[in-house]
Amino acid sequence: MYKSKINISIRKTILDPQGKAVEHSLQSLGFSGIKDTRIGKYIELLIDAKSAEEAGEISRKACEKLLANPVMEDYSIIITEIKEEN
């Protein structure tokens, strides 16, 4: 069993209006040192696979087909093995 941790972020070249709105709100609350804010997604998948490589491939395909927009977003995947307790 493997856990896939997926971080999805809007590409730096794409305007992030939600991030800008949060940045302005933080600045209005007195957080003047914040100079850039980007909003993304974090997704965890629990995958029954034979290897970390297989779990990574399943995760990559899930990102390409559903979880991430390949035109606007980048993603990174971290796979960790989950030890099953007996």
PDB file of N, CA and C in Angstrom:
ATOM      1  N   MET A   1       0.855  -1.166   0.000  1.00  0.00           N
ATOM      2  CA  MET A   1       0.000   0.000   0.000  1.00  0.00           C
ATOM      3  C   MET A   1       0.906   1.235   0.000  1.00  0.00           C
ATOM      4  N   TYR A   2       0.502   2.239  -0.767  1.00  0.00           N
ATOM      5  CA  TYR A   2       1.311   3.449  -0.897  1.00  0.00           C
ATOM      6  C   TYR A   2       0.427   4.684  -0.741  1.00  0.00           C
ATOM      7  N   LYS A   3       1.026   5.724  -0.172  1.00  0.00           N
ATOM      8  CA  LYS A   3       0.351   7.013  -0.090  1.00  0.00           C
ATOM      9  C   LYS A   3       0.996   7.931  -1.111  1.00  0.00           C
ATOM     10  N   SER A   4       0.163   8.553  -1.908  1.00  0.00           N
ATOM     11  CA  SER A   4       0.618   9.525  -2.893  1.00  0.00           C
ATOM     12  C   SER A   4       0.226  10.912  -2.396  1.00  0.00           C
ATOM     13  N   LYS A   5       1.213  11.778  -2.238  1.00  0.00           N
ATOM     14  CA  LYS A   5       0.970  13.164  -1.833  1.00  0.00           C
ATOM     15  C   LYS A   5       1.210  14.037  -3.056  1.00  0.00           C
ATOM     16  N   ILE A   6       0.157  14.710  -3.500  1.00  0.00           N
ATOM     17  CA  ILE A   6       0.206  15.475  -4.741  1.00  0.00           C
ATOM     18  C   ILE A   6      -0.003  16.959  -4.430  1.00  0.00           C
ATOM     19  N   ASN A   7       0.936  17.774  -4.851  1.00  0.00           N
ATOM     20  CA  ASN A   7       0.815  19.227  -4.758  1.00  0.00           C
ATOM     21  C   ASN A   7       0.601  19.767  -6.157  1.00  0.00           C
ATOM     22  N   ILE A   8      -0.466  20.539  -6.336  1.00  0.00           N
ATOM     23  CA  ILE A   8      -0.793  21.127  -7.628  1.00  0.00           C
ATOM     24  C   ILE A   8      -0.761  22.642  -7.465  1.00  0.00           C
ATOM     25  N   SER A   9      -0.035  23.298  -8.351  1.00  0.00           N
ATOM     26  CA  SER A   9       0.066  24.755  -8.265  1.00  0.00           C
ATOM     27  C   SER A   9      -0.123  25.370  -9.647  1.00  0.00           C
ATOM     28  N   ILE A  10      -0.645  26.586  -9.645  1.00  0.00           N
ATOM     29  CA  ILE A  10      -0.791  27.329 -10.895  1.00  0.00           C
ATOM     30  C   ILE A  10       0.606  27.734 -11.358  1.00  0.00           C
ATOM     31  N   ARG A  11       0.860  27.598 -12.641  1.00  0.00           N
ATOM     32  CA  ARG A  11       2.171  27.967 -13.192  1.00  0.00           C
ATOM     33  C   ARG A  11       2.472  29.429 -12.908  1.00  0.00           C
ATOM     34  N   LYS A  12       3.740  29.721 -12.702  1.00  0.00           N
ATOM     35  CA  LYS A  12       4.165  31.089 -12.368  1.00  0.00           C
ATOM     36  C   LYS A  12       3.779  32.091 -13.447  1.00  0.00           C
ATOM     37  N   THR A  13       3.654  31.647 -14.693  1.00  0.00           N
ATOM     38  CA  THR A  13       3.318  32.556 -15.790  1.00  0.00           C
ATOM     39  C   THR A  13       1.822  32.858 -15.864  1.00  0.00           C
ATOM     40  N   ILE A  14       1.009  32.172 -15.047  1.00  0.00           N
ATOM     41  CA  ILE A  14      -0.448  32.349 -15.051  1.00  0.00           C
ATOM     42  C   ILE A  14      -0.854  33.239 -13.874  1.00  0.00           C
ATOM     43  N   LEU A  15      -1.691  34.225 -14.149  1.00  0.00           N
ATOM     44  CA  LEU A  15      -2.205  35.094 -13.097  1.00  0.00           C
ATOM     45  C   LEU A  15      -3.042  34.270 -12.117  1.00  0.00           C
ATOM     46  N   ASP A  16      -2.857  34.512 -10.825  1.00  0.00           N
ATOM     47  CA  ASP A  16      -3.585  33.797  -9.778  1.00  0.00           C
ATOM     48  C   ASP A  16      -4.469  34.796  -9.021  1.00  0.00           C
ATOM     49  N   PRO A  17      -5.690  35.058  -9.513  1.00  0.00           N
ATOM     50  CA  PRO A  17      -6.544  36.053  -8.859  1.00  0.00           C
ATOM     51  C   PRO A  17      -6.915  35.689  -7.428  1.00  0.00           C
ATOM     52  N   GLN A  18      -7.097  34.399  -7.140  1.00  0.00           N
ATOM     53  CA  GLN A  18      -7.415  33.990  -5.771  1.00  0.00           C
ATOM     54  C   GLN A  18      -6.225  34.282  -4.856  1.00  0.00           C
ATOM     55  N   GLY A  19      -5.033  33.999  -5.333  1.00  0.00           N
ATOM     56  CA  GLY A  19      -3.828  34.301  -4.553  1.00  0.00           C
ATOM     57  C   GLY A  19      -3.682  35.789  -4.290  1.00  0.00           C
ATOM     58  N   LYS A  20      -3.959  36.601  -5.312  1.00  0.00           N
ATOM     59  CA  LYS A  20      -3.872  38.063  -5.153  1.00  0.00           C
ATOM     60  C   LYS A  20      -4.895  38.566  -4.135  1.00  0.00           C
ATOM     61  N   ALA A  21      -6.107  38.012  -4.166  1.00  0.00           N
ATOM     62  CA  ALA A  21      -7.140  38.430  -3.217  1.00  0.00           C
ATOM     63  C   ALA A  21      -6.712  38.100  -1.785  1.00  0.00           C
ATOM     64  N   VAL A  22      -6.145  36.915  -1.584  1.00  0.00           N
ATOM     65  CA  VAL A  22      -5.667  36.523  -0.247  1.00  0.00           C
ATOM     66  C   VAL A  22      -4.504  37.419   0.166  1.00  0.00           C
ATOM     67  N   GLU A  23      -3.597  37.687  -0.770  1.00  0.00           N
ATOM     68  CA  GLU A  23      -2.453  38.560  -0.468  1.00  0.00           C
ATOM     69  C   GLU A  23      -2.916  39.941  -0.013  1.00  0.00           C
ATOM     70  N   HIS A  24      -3.877  40.531  -0.725  1.00  0.00           N
ATOM     71  CA  HIS A  24      -4.386  41.857  -0.339  1.00  0.00           C
ATOM     72  C   HIS A  24      -5.085  41.806   1.018  1.00  0.00           C
ATOM     73  N   SER A  25      -5.816  40.731   1.267  1.00  0.00           N
ATOM     74  CA  SER A  25      -6.491  40.593   2.567  1.00  0.00           C
ATOM     75  C   SER A  25      -5.472  40.477   3.697  1.00  0.00           C
ATOM     76  N   LEU A  26      -4.420  39.704   3.486  1.00  0.00           N
ATOM     77  CA  LEU A  26      -3.373  39.572   4.505  1.00  0.00           C
ATOM     78  C   LEU A  26      -2.691  40.907   4.763  1.00  0.00           C
ATOM     79  N   GLN A  27      -2.415  41.642   3.696  1.00  0.00           N
ATOM     80  CA  GLN A  27      -1.782  42.956   3.860  1.00  0.00           C
ATOM     81  C   GLN A  27      -2.692  43.912   4.620  1.00  0.00           C
ATOM     82  N   SER A  28      -4.004  43.850   4.356  1.00  0.00           N
ATOM     83  CA  SER A  28      -4.935  44.723   5.073  1.00  0.00           C
ATOM     84  C   SER A  28      -5.048  44.347   6.551  1.00  0.00           C
ATOM     85  N   LEU A  29      -4.668  43.110   6.886  1.00  0.00           N
ATOM     86  CA  LEU A  29      -4.658  42.673   8.288  1.00  0.00           C
ATOM     87  C   LEU A  29      -3.324  42.968   8.970  1.00  0.00           C
ATOM     88  N   GLY A  30      -2.416  43.623   8.250  1.00  0.00           N
ATOM     89  CA  GLY A  30      -1.153  44.018   8.853  1.00  0.00           C
ATOM     90  C   GLY A  30       0.036  43.140   8.509  1.00  0.00           C
ATOM     91  N   PHE A  31      -0.124  42.166   7.664  1.00  0.00           N
ATOM     92  CA  PHE A  31       0.995  41.305   7.257  1.00  0.00           C
ATOM     93  C   PHE A  31       1.724  41.947   6.081  1.00  0.00           C
ATOM     94  N   SER A  32       2.457  43.018   6.362  1.00  0.00           N
ATOM     95  CA  SER A  32       3.067  43.815   5.300  1.00  0.00           C
ATOM     96  C   SER A  32       4.265  43.139   4.639  1.00  0.00           C
ATOM     97  N   GLY A  33       4.853  42.157   5.252  1.00  0.00           N
ATOM     98  CA  GLY A  33       6.026  41.496   4.693  1.00  0.00           C
ATOM     99  C   GLY A  33       5.705  40.479   3.609  1.00  0.00           C
ATOM    100  N   ILE A  34       4.436  40.156   3.411  1.00  0.00           N
ATOM    101  CA  ILE A  34       4.064  39.163   2.393  1.00  0.00           C
ATOM    102  C   ILE A  34       4.051  39.845   1.035  1.00  0.00           C
ATOM    103  N   LYS A  35       4.870  39.335   0.111  1.00  0.00           N
ATOM    104  CA  LYS A  35       5.038  39.966  -1.196  1.00  0.00           C
ATOM    105  C   LYS A  35       4.399  39.197  -2.339  1.00  0.00           C
ATOM    106  N   ASP A  36       4.086  37.916  -2.141  1.00  0.00           N
ATOM    107  CA  ASP A  36       3.438  37.137  -3.201  1.00  0.00           C
ATOM    108  C   ASP A  36       2.694  35.976  -2.556  1.00  0.00           C
ATOM    109  N   THR A  37       1.511  35.700  -3.051  1.00  0.00           N
ATOM    110  CA  THR A  37       0.692  34.602  -2.544  1.00  0.00           C
ATOM    111  C   THR A  37       0.137  33.824  -3.725  1.00  0.00           C
ATOM    112  N   ARG A  38       0.312  32.514  -3.701  1.00  0.00           N
ATOM    113  CA  ARG A  38      -0.221  31.643  -4.739  1.00  0.00           C
ATOM    114  C   ARG A  38      -1.074  30.578  -4.045  1.00  0.00           C
ATOM    115  N   ILE A  39      -2.205  30.257  -4.632  1.00  0.00           N
ATOM    116  CA  ILE A  39      -3.108  29.259  -4.078  1.00  0.00           C
ATOM    117  C   ILE A  39      -3.005  27.987  -4.922  1.00  0.00           C
ATOM    118  N   GLY A  40      -2.945  26.846  -4.266  1.00  0.00           N
ATOM    119  CA  GLY A  40      -2.855  25.576  -4.976  1.00  0.00           C
ATOM    120  C   GLY A  40      -3.758  24.532  -4.335  1.00  0.00           C
ATOM    121  N   LYS A  41      -3.514  23.273  -4.702  1.00  0.00           N
ATOM    122  CA  LYS A  41      -4.299  22.156  -4.167  1.00  0.00           C
ATOM    123  C   LYS A  41      -3.344  21.103  -3.628  1.00  0.00           C
ATOM    124  N   TYR A  42      -3.778  20.436  -2.573  1.00  0.00           N
ATOM    125  CA  TYR A  42      -3.036  19.313  -2.010  1.00  0.00           C
ATOM    126  C   TYR A  42      -3.985  18.128  -1.960  1.00  0.00           C
ATOM    127  N   ILE A  43      -3.556  17.007  -2.527  1.00  0.00           N
ATOM    128  CA  ILE A  43      -4.403  15.816  -2.597  1.00  0.00           C
ATOM    129  C   ILE A  43      -3.596  14.613  -2.123  1.00  0.00           C
ATOM    130  N   GLU A  44      -4.215  13.755  -1.321  1.00  0.00           N
ATOM    131  CA  GLU A  44      -3.594  12.490  -0.920  1.00  0.00           C
ATOM    132  C   GLU A  44      -4.414  11.343  -1.488  1.00  0.00           C
ATOM    133  N   LEU A  45      -3.714  10.357  -2.047  1.00  0.00           N
ATOM    134  CA  LEU A  45      -4.351   9.147  -2.540  1.00  0.00           C
ATOM    135  C   LEU A  45      -3.737   7.957  -1.822  1.00  0.00           C
ATOM    136  N   LEU A  46      -4.544   7.013  -1.411  1.00  0.00           N
ATOM    137  CA  LEU A  46      -4.060   5.747  -0.868  1.00  0.00           C
ATOM    138  C   LEU A  46      -4.198   4.731  -1.989  1.00  0.00           C
ATOM    139  N   ILE A  47      -3.076   4.157  -2.421  1.00  0.00           N
ATOM    140  CA  ILE A  47      -3.061   3.330  -3.631  1.00  0.00           C
ATOM    141  C   ILE A  47      -2.571   1.925  -3.302  1.00  0.00           C
ATOM    142  N   ASP A  48      -3.340   0.942  -3.719  1.00  0.00           N
ATOM    143  CA  ASP A  48      -2.934  -0.455  -3.591  1.00  0.00           C
ATOM    144  C   ASP A  48      -2.166  -0.801  -4.862  1.00  0.00           C
ATOM    145  N   ALA A  49      -0.843  -0.829  -4.766  1.00  0.00           N
ATOM    146  CA  ALA A  49       0.013  -1.099  -5.918  1.00  0.00           C
ATOM    147  C   ALA A  49       1.135  -2.032  -5.497  1.00  0.00           C
ATOM    148  N   LYS A  50       1.780  -2.649  -6.488  1.00  0.00           N
ATOM    149  CA  LYS A  50       2.858  -3.603  -6.212  1.00  0.00           C
ATOM    150  C   LYS A  50       4.190  -2.930  -5.932  1.00  0.00           C
ATOM    151  N   SER A  51       4.347  -1.670  -6.373  1.00  0.00           N
ATOM    152  CA  SER A  51       5.613  -0.967  -6.176  1.00  0.00           C
ATOM    153  C   SER A  51       5.372   0.530  -6.114  1.00  0.00           C
ATOM    154  N   ALA A  52       6.370   1.246  -5.618  1.00  0.00           N
ATOM    155  CA  ALA A  52       6.302   2.709  -5.580  1.00  0.00           C
ATOM    156  C   ALA A  52       6.219   3.269  -6.993  1.00  0.00           C
ATOM    157  N   GLU A  53       6.909   2.628  -7.924  1.00  0.00           N
ATOM    158  CA  GLU A  53       6.889   3.087  -9.314  1.00  0.00           C
ATOM    159  C   GLU A  53       5.480   2.986  -9.898  1.00  0.00           C
ATOM    160  N   GLU A  54       4.795   1.870  -9.613  1.00  0.00           N
ATOM    161  CA  GLU A  54       3.423   1.694 -10.097  1.00  0.00           C
ATOM    162  C   GLU A  54       2.496   2.731  -9.468  1.00  0.00           C
ATOM    163  N   ALA A  55       2.653   2.971  -8.169  1.00  0.00           N
ATOM    164  CA  ALA A  55       1.834   3.978  -7.484  1.00  0.00           C
ATOM    165  C   ALA A  55       2.088   5.366  -8.077  1.00  0.00           C
ATOM    166  N   GLY A  56       3.341   5.641  -8.398  1.00  0.00           N
ATOM    167  CA  GLY A  56       3.678   6.921  -9.022  1.00  0.00           C
ATOM    168  C   GLY A  56       3.051   7.070 -10.392  1.00  0.00           C
ATOM    169  N   GLU A  57       3.052   6.003 -11.159  1.00  0.00           N
ATOM    170  CA  GLU A  57       2.447   6.024 -12.488  1.00  0.00           C
ATOM    171  C   GLU A  57       0.936   6.225 -12.403  1.00  0.00           C
ATOM    172  N   ILE A  58       0.291   5.558 -11.458  1.00  0.00           N
ATOM    173  CA  ILE A  58      -1.149   5.740 -11.252  1.00  0.00           C
ATOM    174  C   ILE A  58      -1.434   7.192 -10.873  1.00  0.00           C
ATOM    175  N   SER A  59      -0.628   7.741  -9.988  1.00  0.00           N
ATOM    176  CA  SER A  59      -0.804   9.130  -9.553  1.00  0.00           C
ATOM    177  C   SER A  59      -0.618  10.100 -10.714  1.00  0.00           C
ATOM    178  N   ARG A  60       0.412   9.862 -11.522  1.00  0.00           N
ATOM    179  CA  ARG A  60       0.687  10.735 -12.670  1.00  0.00           C
ATOM    180  C   ARG A  60      -0.483  10.714 -13.651  1.00  0.00           C
ATOM    181  N   LYS A  61      -1.004   9.524 -13.927  1.00  0.00           N
ATOM    182  CA  LYS A  61      -2.137   9.413 -14.847  1.00  0.00           C
ATOM    183  C   LYS A  61      -3.379  10.101 -14.285  1.00  0.00           C
ATOM    184  N   ALA A  62      -3.597   9.977 -12.969  1.00  0.00           N
ATOM    185  CA  ALA A  62      -4.737  10.645 -12.335  1.00  0.00           C
ATOM    186  C   ALA A  62      -4.613  12.163 -12.476  1.00  0.00           C
ATOM    187  N   CYS A  63      -3.393  12.682 -12.319  1.00  0.00           N
ATOM    188  CA  CYS A  63      -3.170  14.117 -12.487  1.00  0.00           C
ATOM    189  C   CYS A  63      -3.435  14.545 -13.920  1.00  0.00           C
ATOM    190  N   GLU A  64      -2.914  13.782 -14.858  1.00  0.00           N
ATOM    191  CA  GLU A  64      -3.066  14.137 -16.268  1.00  0.00           C
ATOM    192  C   GLU A  64      -4.513  14.063 -16.741  1.00  0.00           C
ATOM    193  N   LYS A  65      -5.283  13.107 -16.209  1.00  0.00           N
ATOM    194  CA  LYS A  65      -6.645  12.904 -16.693  1.00  0.00           C
ATOM    195  C   LYS A  65      -7.706  13.692 -15.925  1.00  0.00           C
ATOM    196  N   LEU A  66      -7.435  14.026 -14.641  1.00  0.00           N
ATOM    197  CA  LEU A  66      -8.488  14.652 -13.848  1.00  0.00           C
ATOM    198  C   LEU A  66      -8.006  15.721 -12.867  1.00  0.00           C
ATOM    199  N   LEU A  67      -6.993  15.424 -12.092  1.00  0.00           N
ATOM    200  CA  LEU A  67      -6.679  16.261 -10.939  1.00  0.00           C
ATOM    201  C   LEU A  67      -6.041  17.606 -11.282  1.00  0.00           C
ATOM    202  N   ALA A  68      -5.232  17.660 -12.333  1.00  0.00           N
ATOM    203  CA  ALA A  68      -4.532  18.899 -12.693  1.00  0.00           C
ATOM    204  C   ALA A  68      -4.906  19.326 -14.107  1.00  0.00           C
ATOM    205  N   ASN A  69      -4.923  20.618 -14.326  1.00  0.00           N
ATOM    206  CA  ASN A  69      -5.135  21.171 -15.661  1.00  0.00           C
ATOM    207  C   ASN A  69      -3.756  21.351 -16.298  1.00  0.00           C
ATOM    208  N   PRO A  70      -3.399  20.537 -17.296  1.00  0.00           N
ATOM    209  CA  PRO A  70      -2.045  20.577 -17.843  1.00  0.00           C
ATOM    210  C   PRO A  70      -1.690  21.886 -18.547  1.00  0.00           C
ATOM    211  N   VAL A  71      -2.677  22.684 -18.891  1.00  0.00           N
ATOM    212  CA  VAL A  71      -2.422  23.961 -19.551  1.00  0.00           C
ATOM    213  C   VAL A  71      -1.988  25.028 -18.533  1.00  0.00           C
ATOM    214  N   MET A  72      -2.559  24.974 -17.329  1.00  0.00           N
ATOM    215  CA  MET A  72      -2.343  26.034 -16.344  1.00  0.00           C
ATOM    216  C   MET A  72      -1.604  25.607 -15.088  1.00  0.00           C
ATOM    217  N   GLU A  73      -1.533  24.314 -14.818  1.00  0.00           N
ATOM    218  CA  GLU A  73      -1.015  23.863 -13.527  1.00  0.00           C
ATOM    219  C   GLU A  73       0.161  22.904 -13.676  1.00  0.00           C
ATOM    220  N   ASP A  74       1.035  22.952 -12.695  1.00  0.00           N
ATOM    221  CA  ASP A  74       2.115  21.987 -12.539  1.00  0.00           C
ATOM    222  C   ASP A  74       1.798  21.150 -11.308  1.00  0.00           C
ATOM    223  N   TYR A  75       2.385  19.957 -11.236  1.00  0.00           N
ATOM    224  CA  TYR A  75       2.160  19.114 -10.059  1.00  0.00           C
ATOM    225  C   TYR A  75       3.438  18.374  -9.698  1.00  0.00           C
ATOM    226  N   SER A  76       3.527  18.041  -8.420  1.00  0.00           N
ATOM    227  CA  SER A  76       4.613  17.194  -7.939  1.00  0.00           C
ATOM    228  C   SER A  76       3.996  16.076  -7.116  1.00  0.00           C
ATOM    229  N   ILE A  77       4.652  14.924  -7.150  1.00  0.00           N
ATOM    230  CA  ILE A  77       4.123  13.732  -6.487  1.00  0.00           C
ATOM    231  C   ILE A  77       5.197  13.145  -5.579  1.00  0.00           C
ATOM    232  N   ILE A  78       4.816  12.829  -4.351  1.00  0.00           N
ATOM    233  CA  ILE A  78       5.693  12.115  -3.417  1.00  0.00           C
ATOM    234  C   ILE A  78       4.980  10.823  -3.031  1.00  0.00           C
ATOM    235  N   ILE A  79       5.668   9.705  -3.222  1.00  0.00           N
ATOM    236  CA  ILE A  79       5.107   8.390  -2.896  1.00  0.00           C
ATOM    237  C   ILE A  79       5.805   7.858  -1.660  1.00  0.00           C
ATOM    238  N   THR A  80       5.010   7.410  -0.673  1.00  0.00           N
ATOM    239  CA  THR A  80       5.577   6.769   0.506  1.00  0.00           C
ATOM    240  C   THR A  80       4.870   5.448   0.734  1.00  0.00           C
ATOM    241  N   GLU A  81       5.623   4.477   1.184  1.00  0.00           N
ATOM    242  CA  GLU A  81       5.041   3.165   1.459  1.00  0.00           C
ATOM    243  C   GLU A  81       4.357   3.194   2.812  1.00  0.00           C
ATOM    244  N   ILE A  82       3.175   2.602   2.871  1.00  0.00           N
ATOM    245  CA  ILE A  82       2.417   2.484   4.119  1.00  0.00           C
ATOM    246  C   ILE A  82       2.563   1.048   4.600  1.00  0.00           C
ATOM    247  N   LYS A  83       3.134   0.889   5.769  1.00  0.00           N
ATOM    248  CA  LYS A  83       3.291  -0.439   6.358  1.00  0.00           C
ATOM    249  C   LYS A  83       1.966  -0.856   6.986  1.00  0.00           C
ATOM    250  N   GLU A  84       1.454  -1.987   6.576  1.00  0.00           N
ATOM    251  CA  GLU A  84       0.214  -2.487   7.138  1.00  0.00           C
ATOM    252  C   GLU A  84       0.490  -3.189   8.455  1.00  0.00           C
ATOM    253  N   GLU A  85      -0.318  -2.874   9.457  1.00  0.00           N
ATOM    254  CA  GLU A  85      -0.159  -3.496  10.772  1.00  0.00           C
ATOM    255  C   GLU A  85      -0.947  -4.793  10.811  1.00  0.00           C
ATOM    256  N   ASN A  86      -0.369  -5.814  11.443  1.00  0.00           N
ATOM    257  CA  ASN A  86      -1.053  -7.115  11.556  1.00  0.00           C
ATOM    258  C   ASN A  86      -1.748  -7.255  12.876  1.00  0.00           C
TER     259      ASN A  86
END
